[in-house]
Protein backbone atom coordinates (compact mmCIF):
# COMPACT_ATOMS: atom_id res chain seq x y z
CA MET A 1 -33.91 0.80 18.72
CA THR A 2 -37.37 -0.22 17.40
CA ALA A 3 -37.76 -3.55 15.94
CA PRO A 4 -38.38 -3.58 12.13
CA ALA A 5 -41.58 -3.95 10.85
CA VAL A 6 -42.84 -7.14 9.13
CA GLU A 7 -45.52 -7.91 6.53
CA GLY A 8 -48.68 -7.61 8.44
CA ASP A 9 -47.45 -6.12 11.73
CA THR A 10 -49.58 -3.92 13.28
CA ARG A 11 -48.19 -1.26 15.33
CA THR A 12 -49.95 0.42 18.38
CA ALA A 13 -47.77 3.71 18.61
CA PRO A 14 -46.60 5.95 15.75
CA MET A 15 -42.91 5.44 14.61
CA LEU A 16 -40.64 8.32 13.72
CA LEU A 17 -37.30 7.81 12.10
CA VAL A 18 -34.79 10.75 12.87
CA ALA A 19 -31.74 11.45 10.87
CA ASP A 20 -29.41 13.66 12.35
CA PRO A 21 -25.72 13.95 13.13
CA ASP A 22 -26.16 15.52 16.48
CA ALA A 23 -26.44 12.42 18.62
CA GLY A 24 -27.21 14.67 21.77
CA LEU A 25 -30.20 16.26 20.12
CA VAL A 26 -31.41 13.07 18.57
CA ARG A 27 -31.48 11.51 22.38
CA GLN A 28 -33.19 14.67 23.78
CA LEU A 29 -35.94 14.41 21.00
CA SER A 30 -36.28 10.69 21.35
CA ALA A 31 -36.82 10.86 25.12
CA ALA A 32 -39.55 13.52 24.57
CA MET A 33 -41.08 11.92 21.89
CA GLN A 34 -41.27 8.40 23.65
CA ALA A 35 -42.81 10.24 26.65
CA ALA A 36 -45.60 11.23 24.16
CA GLY A 37 -46.02 7.75 23.11
CA VAL A 38 -44.10 7.87 19.69
CA ASP A 39 -41.27 5.19 18.89
CA VAL A 40 -38.12 6.88 17.73
CA THR A 41 -35.16 5.39 16.01
CA GLY A 42 -32.21 7.65 15.32
CA VAL A 43 -29.62 7.31 12.72
CA PRO A 44 -26.63 9.81 11.95
CA ASP A 45 -26.73 10.09 8.36
CA GLY A 46 -28.95 9.84 4.99
CA ALA A 47 -27.21 6.49 3.77
CA GLN A 48 -28.46 4.96 7.20
CA ALA A 49 -31.86 6.91 6.91
CA LEU A 50 -32.44 5.20 3.76
CA LEU A 51 -31.92 1.61 4.56
CA GLN A 52 -33.95 2.06 7.93
CA ALA A 53 -36.74 3.64 6.13
CA GLY A 54 -37.16 0.55 4.03
CA ALA A 55 -36.78 -1.70 6.98
CA LEU A 56 -38.88 0.04 9.58
CA ARG A 57 -41.65 1.43 7.61
CA PRO A 58 -41.95 4.40 9.82
CA ASP A 59 -44.93 6.62 9.65
CA ALA A 60 -42.98 9.65 9.13
CA VAL A 61 -39.22 10.79 8.83
CA LEU A 62 -37.11 13.73 10.34
CA ILE A 63 -34.09 14.66 8.38
CA CYS A 64 -31.80 17.70 9.13
CA ALA A 65 -30.82 20.17 6.49
CA SER A 66 -27.33 19.37 7.02
CA LEU A 67 -27.74 15.66 6.53
CA PRO A 68 -24.40 14.01 5.90
CA ILE A 69 -23.47 11.14 3.22
CA VAL A 70 -26.77 11.34 1.48
CA GLY A 71 -27.82 14.87 1.47
CA PRO A 72 -31.71 16.07 1.93
CA VAL A 73 -32.55 16.57 -1.40
CA ASP A 74 -31.26 13.35 -2.54
CA PHE A 75 -32.59 11.64 0.47
CA VAL A 76 -36.10 12.86 -0.42
CA ARG A 77 -35.87 11.92 -4.04
CA ALA A 78 -34.94 8.51 -3.10
CA VAL A 79 -37.14 7.83 -0.32
CA ARG A 80 -40.17 8.80 -2.61
CA LEU A 81 -39.08 6.21 -5.08
CA MET A 82 -39.41 3.89 -2.31
CA ARG A 83 -42.57 4.32 -0.61
CA ALA A 84 -44.97 7.21 0.32
CA VAL A 85 -43.91 8.78 3.75
CA PRO A 86 -43.95 12.08 5.06
CA VAL A 87 -40.48 13.61 5.39
CA LEU A 88 -39.97 16.53 7.53
CA LEU A 89 -36.81 18.86 7.03
CA GLY A 90 -35.48 20.20 10.42
CA ILE A 91 -33.92 23.72 9.66
CA ASP A 92 -31.89 25.83 11.91
CA PHE A 93 -32.30 29.41 12.42
CA GLY A 94 -30.52 30.92 9.49
CA SER A 95 -30.04 28.20 7.34
CA ASP A 96 -29.88 28.24 3.73
CA ALA A 97 -33.69 28.62 2.63
CA GLU A 98 -32.54 27.74 -1.00
CA GLN A 99 -31.55 24.25 0.19
CA ALA A 100 -34.87 23.89 1.91
CA LEU A 101 -36.86 25.07 -1.09
CA GLN A 102 -35.06 22.27 -3.10
CA ALA A 103 -36.09 19.81 -0.73
CA LEU A 104 -39.78 20.82 -0.64
CA GLU A 105 -39.63 20.74 -4.60
CA ALA A 106 -38.31 17.32 -4.50
CA GLY A 107 -41.22 16.18 -2.38
CA ALA A 108 -40.51 16.98 1.28
CA THR A 109 -43.76 17.42 3.45
CA ALA A 110 -42.65 20.53 5.56
CA CYS A 111 -40.05 21.99 7.25
CA VAL A 112 -39.90 22.32 11.23
CA ALA A 113 -37.36 24.16 13.31
CA ARG A 114 -34.18 22.79 14.89
CA PRO A 115 -33.44 22.42 17.61
CA TYR A 116 -36.83 20.32 17.34
CA ARG A 117 -39.82 21.03 19.53
CA VAL A 118 -42.28 18.15 20.34
CA PRO A 119 -45.64 20.44 20.27
CA GLU A 120 -44.55 21.04 16.41
CA LEU A 121 -43.81 17.59 15.38
CA LEU A 122 -46.38 15.43 17.63
CA PRO A 123 -49.32 16.40 15.82
CA LEU A 124 -47.75 15.56 12.32
CA VAL A 125 -46.45 12.25 13.26
CA GLN A 126 -49.63 11.24 15.13
CA ALA A 127 -51.46 12.38 11.98
CA ALA A 128 -49.37 10.37 9.73
CA PHE A 129 -49.89 7.20 11.94
CA ARG A 130 -53.59 7.46 11.94
CA ARG A 131 -53.56 7.44 8.07
CA ASN A 132 -51.24 4.62 7.88
CA ASP A 133 -53.45 2.64 10.29
CA GLY A 134 -56.22 2.46 7.80
CA HIS A 135 -56.38 2.36 3.99
CA ARG A 136 -54.63 4.61 1.66
CA THR A 137 -57.11 7.30 1.07
CA VAL A 138 -57.04 9.18 -2.24
CA LEU A 139 -59.72 12.04 -3.04
CA THR A 140 -60.07 13.03 -6.58
CA ILE A 141 -62.35 16.17 -7.79
CA GLY A 142 -61.90 16.95 -11.52
CA ASP A 143 -58.29 16.95 -12.35
CA VAL A 144 -57.19 17.48 -8.72
CA GLU A 145 -56.00 14.31 -6.86
CA LEU A 146 -55.07 14.53 -3.29
CA ASP A 147 -53.37 11.56 -1.61
CA VAL A 148 -53.68 11.60 1.80
CA THR A 149 -51.17 8.89 2.93
CA ALA A 150 -48.47 10.30 0.68
CA TYR A 151 -49.03 13.87 1.32
CA GLN A 152 -49.19 14.35 -2.46
CA VAL A 153 -51.36 16.50 -4.96
CA ARG A 154 -51.57 15.94 -8.63
CA VAL A 155 -53.11 18.25 -10.99
CA GLY A 156 -53.91 16.90 -14.19
CA GLY A 157 -51.56 14.20 -13.42
CA ARG A 158 -48.64 16.69 -12.55
CA VAL A 159 -47.24 16.75 -9.26
CA VAL A 160 -47.99 19.88 -7.34
CA HIS A 161 -45.99 20.59 -4.41
CA LEU A 162 -47.98 22.18 -1.42
CA PRO A 163 -46.65 23.46 1.81
CA LEU A 164 -48.44 21.69 4.75
CA ARG A 165 -50.87 24.28 5.48
CA GLU A 166 -52.22 24.51 2.29
CA PHE A 167 -52.28 20.76 1.82
CA GLU A 168 -54.57 20.50 5.01
CA LEU A 169 -56.35 23.31 3.63
CA LEU A 170 -57.03 21.71 0.26
CA HIS A 171 -57.71 18.42 2.13
CA TYR A 172 -60.25 19.99 4.29
CA LEU A 173 -61.95 21.76 1.39
CA MET A 174 -62.23 18.43 -0.67
CA ARG A 175 -63.80 16.50 2.36
CA ASN A 176 -66.27 19.00 1.97
CA ALA A 177 -66.77 19.66 -1.44
CA ASP A 178 -69.88 21.54 -2.71
CA ARG A 179 -70.33 22.65 0.79
CA THR A 180 -69.92 26.20 2.21
CA VAL A 181 -67.34 26.20 4.94
CA THR A 182 -67.00 29.24 7.38
CA ARG A 183 -63.85 30.94 8.28
CA GLU A 184 -64.49 29.80 11.94
CA GLN A 185 -64.70 26.06 10.53
CA ILE A 186 -61.33 26.51 8.73
CA MET A 187 -59.68 28.11 11.86
CA ARG A 188 -60.58 25.14 14.20
CA ASN A 189 -59.98 22.28 11.44
CA VAL A 190 -57.15 23.39 9.73
CA TRP A 191 -55.26 25.72 12.02
CA HIS A 192 -56.67 24.05 15.16
CA SER A 193 -57.34 27.17 16.61
CA ASN A 194 -60.46 29.00 18.13
CA ASP A 195 -58.59 32.31 18.52
CA GLY A 196 -59.68 35.39 16.42
CA MET A 197 -57.04 34.71 13.75
CA SER A 198 -57.18 37.55 11.01
CA THR A 199 -59.42 36.22 8.15
CA ASN A 200 -56.61 37.95 5.90
CA THR A 201 -54.50 34.71 7.03
CA ILE A 202 -57.04 32.34 5.57
CA ALA A 203 -57.44 34.37 2.51
CA VAL A 204 -53.66 34.57 1.65
CA HIS A 205 -53.44 30.90 1.75
CA VAL A 206 -56.66 30.38 -0.34
CA LYS A 207 -55.03 32.71 -2.88
CA ARG A 208 -51.75 30.77 -3.13
CA LEU A 209 -53.46 27.37 -3.21
CA ARG A 210 -55.80 28.85 -6.06
CA ALA A 211 -52.51 29.76 -7.91
CA ARG A 212 -50.81 26.36 -7.21
CA LEU A 213 -53.78 24.57 -8.49
CA GLY A 214 -54.24 26.72 -11.78
CA ASP A 215 -57.69 28.08 -10.46
CA VAL A 216 -57.08 31.42 -12.14
CA GLU A 217 -60.72 32.28 -12.37
CA ASP A 218 -61.48 31.28 -8.66
CA THR A 219 -64.24 28.76 -10.31
CA MET A 220 -62.88 25.92 -8.24
CA ILE A 221 -62.26 27.46 -4.74
CA GLN A 222 -65.06 29.96 -4.70
CA THR A 223 -65.41 32.78 -2.11
CA VAL A 224 -68.80 32.90 -0.50
CA ARG A 225 -68.90 36.40 0.50
CA GLY A 226 -69.11 37.33 4.30
CA VAL A 227 -69.02 33.53 5.04
CA GLY A 228 -66.28 31.59 3.98
CA TYR A 229 -65.27 29.33 0.80
CA ARG A 230 -66.83 26.59 -1.18
CA LEU A 231 -64.75 23.79 -3.53
CA VAL A 232 -67.06 22.91 -6.34
CA SER A 233 -66.82 19.57 -7.75
CA GLY A 234 -68.25 20.15 -11.06
């Protein structure tokens, strides 16, 4: 069990809070994540998860879709009132997609596969740790505000929930505002891949992102034909 954080405490390793009633699954995940340098605390239900989310101030929280006592949707809503922390939702194959959608709409950061896979979780937890290790970062362009630490986007003051990949895409475009970024740069920096991924994949994500931001005439995120995309700040 990781010791509770105190005011002014500086952690040297990422901390993940896992809320899952399957004790065996939590033990397996804890061993694998700790071997990768991540401190893990496991709890069996949503009530204990809320308590530990406040006491431990983890860098990220992983909850299963069948979380007992306090369910995933109520948990996400409650923890969002407490503090900004990425909340990952573990989904079993064939689980109720409606419940996952409700959790995402309530403010969950992303859905991940359950049983959990360390290669999928580790980059998310490490990224959250790096953000929390510094100061809170908020990028604002026009009426779009992106809070890096909270994984939150507001458009005209209204919260817009983005899937993780679209959030990372918007973050990358905003950091490079008014500059044209190539599709190859997006592949490397958003998808973290140098493989020859279909450019249609990027185009689909850009189209969805525009729709969520209300960029109906493609005036904010512009297509540079044959090259890539440019997010215009003014």
